[in-house]
Each structure stands twice: as C-alpha cells, then as structure tokens.
N, C-alpha and C. Protein backbone atom coordinates (compact mmCIF):
# COMPACT_ATOMS: atom_id res chain seq x y z
N UNK A 1 -35.85 -22.03 6.45
CA UNK A 1 -34.61 -22.51 7.42
C UNK A 1 -34.36 -20.97 7.87
N UNK A 2 -34.17 -21.11 9.18
CA UNK A 2 -33.29 -19.74 9.87
C UNK A 2 -31.90 -20.18 10.35
N UNK A 3 -31.25 -19.24 9.89
CA UNK A 3 -29.23 -19.06 9.81
C UNK A 3 -29.65 -18.27 10.89
N UNK A 4 -28.46 -18.77 11.59
CA UNK A 4 -27.04 -17.62 13.07
C UNK A 4 -26.65 -16.77 11.80
N UNK A 5 -26.00 -15.42 13.23
CA UNK A 5 -25.92 -15.07 11.95
C UNK A 5 -23.89 -15.30 11.14
N UNK A 6 -23.75 -16.19 11.12
CA UNK A 6 -22.84 -16.98 11.05
C UNK A 6 -23.27 -17.55 9.57
N UNK A 7 -24.62 -17.25 9.23
CA UNK A 7 -24.62 -18.59 7.95
C UNK A 7 -25.27 -19.96 8.59
N UNK A 8 -24.77 -19.89 9.61
CA UNK A 8 -25.17 -21.57 9.85
C UNK A 8 -26.24 -22.41 10.23
N UNK A 9 -27.14 -22.75 9.42
CA UNK A 9 -28.40 -22.84 9.75
C UNK A 9 -28.87 -23.58 11.37
N UNK A 10 -29.74 -22.72 11.93
CA UNK A 10 -30.05 -23.04 13.30
C UNK A 10 -29.81 -24.26 13.84
N UNK A 11 -30.72 -25.34 12.45
CA UNK A 11 -31.32 -26.45 13.21
C UNK A 11 -29.63 -27.41 13.78
N UNK A 12 -28.39 -26.70 12.93
CA UNK A 12 -27.19 -27.65 13.51
C UNK A 12 -27.10 -26.75 14.24
N UNK A 13 -27.26 -26.06 15.62
CA UNK A 13 -26.94 -25.04 16.55
C UNK A 13 -27.25 -25.43 17.48
N UNK A 14 -28.94 -26.29 17.31
CA UNK A 14 -29.67 -26.63 18.47
C UNK A 14 -28.54 -27.85 18.63
N UNK A 15 -28.62 -28.83 17.81
CA UNK A 15 -28.50 -29.98 17.66
C UNK A 15 -26.81 -29.99 18.73
N UNK A 16 -26.22 -29.51 17.83
CA UNK A 16 -24.12 -29.17 19.07
C UNK A 16 -25.25 -28.33 20.18
N UNK A 17 -25.88 -27.81 20.12
CA UNK A 17 -26.14 -28.16 21.96
C UNK A 17 -26.81 -29.05 22.77
N UNK A 18 -27.71 -29.42 21.99
CA UNK A 18 -28.53 -30.68 22.58
C UNK A 18 -27.22 -31.92 22.47
N UNK A 19 -26.07 -32.13 21.82
CA UNK A 19 -25.79 -32.70 21.88
C UNK A 19 -24.18 -32.88 22.82
N UNK A 20 -24.04 -31.45 23.55
CA UNK A 20 -23.26 -30.92 23.59
C UNK A 20 -23.16 -31.54 25.87
N UNK A 21 -22.14 -31.59 26.37
CA UNK A 21 -22.18 -32.30 27.57
C UNK A 21 -22.12 -31.21 28.37
N UNK A 22 -22.47 -29.97 28.26
CA UNK A 22 -21.69 -29.12 28.98
C UNK A 22 -22.77 -28.33 29.08
N UNK A 23 -23.26 -27.70 29.77
CA UNK A 23 -24.62 -27.06 29.49
C UNK A 23 -24.20 -25.69 29.59
N UNK A 24 -23.44 -25.25 29.41
CA UNK A 24 -22.55 -23.68 30.04
C UNK A 24 -22.06 -23.72 28.68
N UNK A 25 -21.73 -24.65 27.76
CA UNK A 25 -21.06 -24.57 26.52
C UNK A 25 -22.46 -24.71 25.40
N UNK A 26 -23.37 -24.87 25.88
CA UNK A 26 -24.29 -25.41 25.22
C UNK A 26 -25.22 -24.29 25.08
N UNK A 27 -25.23 -22.98 26.20
CA UNK A 27 -26.05 -22.12 26.88
C UNK A 27 -25.40 -20.80 25.01
N UNK A 28 -23.43 -21.21 25.28
CA UNK A 28 -23.19 -20.23 24.90
C UNK A 28 -23.31 -20.89 23.32
N UNK A 29 -23.36 -21.58 22.87
CA UNK A 29 -23.43 -21.99 21.14
C UNK A 29 -24.70 -21.46 21.35
N UNK A 30 -26.48 -21.77 21.94
CA UNK A 30 -27.41 -20.62 21.03
C UNK A 30 -27.34 -19.21 21.34
N UNK A 31 -26.68 -18.72 22.67
CA UNK A 31 -26.17 -16.97 22.59
C UNK A 31 -26.21 -16.36 21.77
N UNK A 32 -24.14 -17.22 21.46
CA UNK A 32 -23.86 -16.73 20.28
C UNK A 32 -24.77 -16.50 18.80
N UNK A 33 -25.10 -17.76 18.70
CA UNK A 33 -26.54 -17.69 17.42
C UNK A 33 -27.15 -17.14 17.64
N UNK A 34 -28.05 -16.48 18.21
CA UNK A 34 -29.08 -15.88 18.46
C UNK A 34 -28.25 -14.30 19.06
N UNK A 35 -27.53 -13.75 18.92
CA UNK A 35 -26.76 -12.43 19.65
C UNK A 35 -27.45 -11.98 20.83
N UNK A 36 -27.30 -13.39 22.14
CA UNK A 36 -27.59 -13.01 22.72
C UNK A 36 -26.70 -12.33 23.92
N UNK A 37 -26.66 -11.53 24.84
CA UNK A 37 -25.28 -11.10 25.51
C UNK A 37 -25.21 -11.66 27.17
N UNK A 38 -26.85 -11.31 27.44
CA UNK A 38 -26.48 -12.20 28.69
C UNK A 38 -27.02 -13.11 28.95
N UNK A 39 -25.99 -13.73 29.98
CA UNK A 39 -26.98 -15.01 29.83
C UNK A 39 -27.93 -15.49 31.19
N UNK A 40 -28.76 -14.30 31.86
CA UNK A 40 -29.37 -14.15 32.78
C UNK A 40 -30.34 -15.88 32.41
N UNK A 41 -30.85 -15.27 31.32
CA UNK A 41 -32.07 -16.52 31.07
C UNK A 41 -31.39 -17.94 30.92
N UNK A 42 -30.09 -18.32 31.01
CA UNK A 42 -29.95 -19.22 30.45
C UNK A 42 -28.93 -19.53 32.58
N UNK A 43 -28.78 -18.40 32.94
CA UNK A 43 -28.54 -19.03 34.24
C UNK A 43 -29.94 -18.91 34.74
N UNK A 44 -31.32 -19.19 34.91
CA UNK A 44 -32.37 -18.72 35.41
C UNK A 44 -33.15 -20.86 34.79
N UNK A 45 -32.86 -20.40 33.64
CA UNK A 45 -33.57 -21.93 32.94
C UNK A 45 -32.48 -23.17 33.12
N UNK A 46 -31.12 -23.26 32.53
CA UNK A 46 -30.91 -23.96 32.83
C UNK A 46 -30.06 -24.65 34.47
N UNK A 47 -30.11 -26.11 34.64
CA UNK A 47 -30.14 -26.93 36.12
C UNK A 47 -28.46 -26.66 35.90
N UNK A 48 -27.70 -26.94 37.58
CA UNK A 48 -26.21 -27.06 37.60
C UNK A 48 -26.04 -28.08 37.01
N UNK A 49 -26.70 -29.71 37.26
CA UNK A 49 -26.07 -30.21 36.25
C UNK A 49 -27.10 -30.53 35.01
N UNK A 50 -26.00 -30.59 34.15
CA UNK A 50 -26.45 -30.47 32.77
C UNK A 50 -27.03 -32.31 32.49
N UNK A 51 -28.21 -32.82 31.98
CA UNK A 51 -28.15 -33.96 32.33
C UNK A 51 -27.69 -34.87 31.28
N UNK A 52 -27.95 -36.21 31.13
CA UNK A 52 -26.80 -36.41 30.37
C UNK A 52 -27.27 -37.17 29.28
N UNK A 53 -28.92 -37.16 29.25
CA UNK A 53 -29.73 -37.37 28.66
C UNK A 53 -30.39 -36.52 27.58
N UNK A 54 -30.06 -36.88 26.01
CA UNK A 54 -30.40 -36.20 25.03
C UNK A 54 -31.77 -35.32 25.37
N UNK A 55 -32.50 -35.92 25.45
CA UNK A 55 -34.45 -35.95 25.29
C UNK A 55 -34.72 -34.15 26.62
N UNK A 56 -33.70 -34.76 27.03
CA UNK A 56 -34.01 -33.82 28.91
C UNK A 56 -33.21 -32.02 28.07
N UNK A 57 -31.63 -32.72 27.91
CA UNK A 57 -31.64 -31.43 27.24
C UNK A 57 -32.46 -31.18 26.75
N UNK A 58 -33.31 -31.86 25.01
CA UNK A 58 -34.24 -30.47 24.58
C UNK A 58 -35.08 -29.79 24.69
N UNK A 59 -35.51 -30.52 26.09
CA UNK A 59 -36.54 -29.57 26.67
C UNK A 59 -35.84 -28.55 27.50
N UNK A 60 -35.02 -29.00 28.15
CA UNK A 60 -34.18 -27.65 28.51
C UNK A 60 -34.22 -26.48 27.80
N UNK A 61 -33.75 -26.49 26.17
CA UNK A 61 -32.81 -26.07 25.85
C UNK A 61 -34.43 -25.51 25.04
N UNK A 62 -35.32 -26.07 24.65
CA UNK A 62 -36.71 -25.14 24.04
C UNK A 62 -37.21 -24.62 24.74
N UNK A 63 -37.28 -24.61 26.57
CA UNK A 63 -38.36 -24.07 27.72
C UNK A 63 -37.04 -22.34 27.67
N UNK A 64 -36.00 -22.97 27.50
CA UNK A 64 -34.38 -21.48 27.25
C UNK A 64 -35.38 -20.48 26.21
N UNK A 65 -35.49 -21.28 24.49
CA UNK A 65 -35.28 -20.79 24.04
C UNK A 65 -37.17 -19.12 24.11
N UNK A 66 -38.00 -20.77 24.55
CA UNK A 66 -39.18 -20.07 24.45
C UNK A 66 -39.73 -18.68 25.45
N UNK A 67 -39.07 -19.05 26.26
CA UNK A 67 -38.74 -17.65 27.40
C UNK A 67 -38.28 -16.40 27.44
N UNK A 68 -37.20 -16.91 26.35
CA UNK A 68 -36.47 -15.74 26.05
C UNK A 68 -36.79 -15.11 24.60
N UNK A 69 -37.94 -15.47 24.05
CA UNK A 69 -38.11 -15.28 22.64
C UNK A 69 -39.79 -14.22 23.17
C-alpha cells in the first residue's frame, strides 16, 4: 500500500479527490499528498468546469497522475 507524506493511505486520498466537488480542491489534495509544489500539470489537465460524474473525475485525475509521473 502506498502512503502520502502524512501516513494517510494513498487510496483514501484518491477517493477524497474523486469525491470532491471542486477541481481545485481535488488537485490540492493530490499535490499535497505527492509533495508537488507546482500546479502546472493540474492547470493543463484539469478542466475549468469540474464534472459532477465521479467516473469522469477519476479519468481526469488518472490522466493527471500519469502525466506527472
């Protein structure tokens, strides 16, 4: 199991980000967990209008994480 810097399981943080109704907040959850200071990738990958559909959010977050990696 992967852990964020605070010792919180990464799966919990991904779930929090996917469940978040605010794209900026979702990006911050993941950036903080992965110790990413720049929001350049989030600005590039995240849409201006955060989708209400969880599956679409998960796809966006997955694309962002793979782009950052």
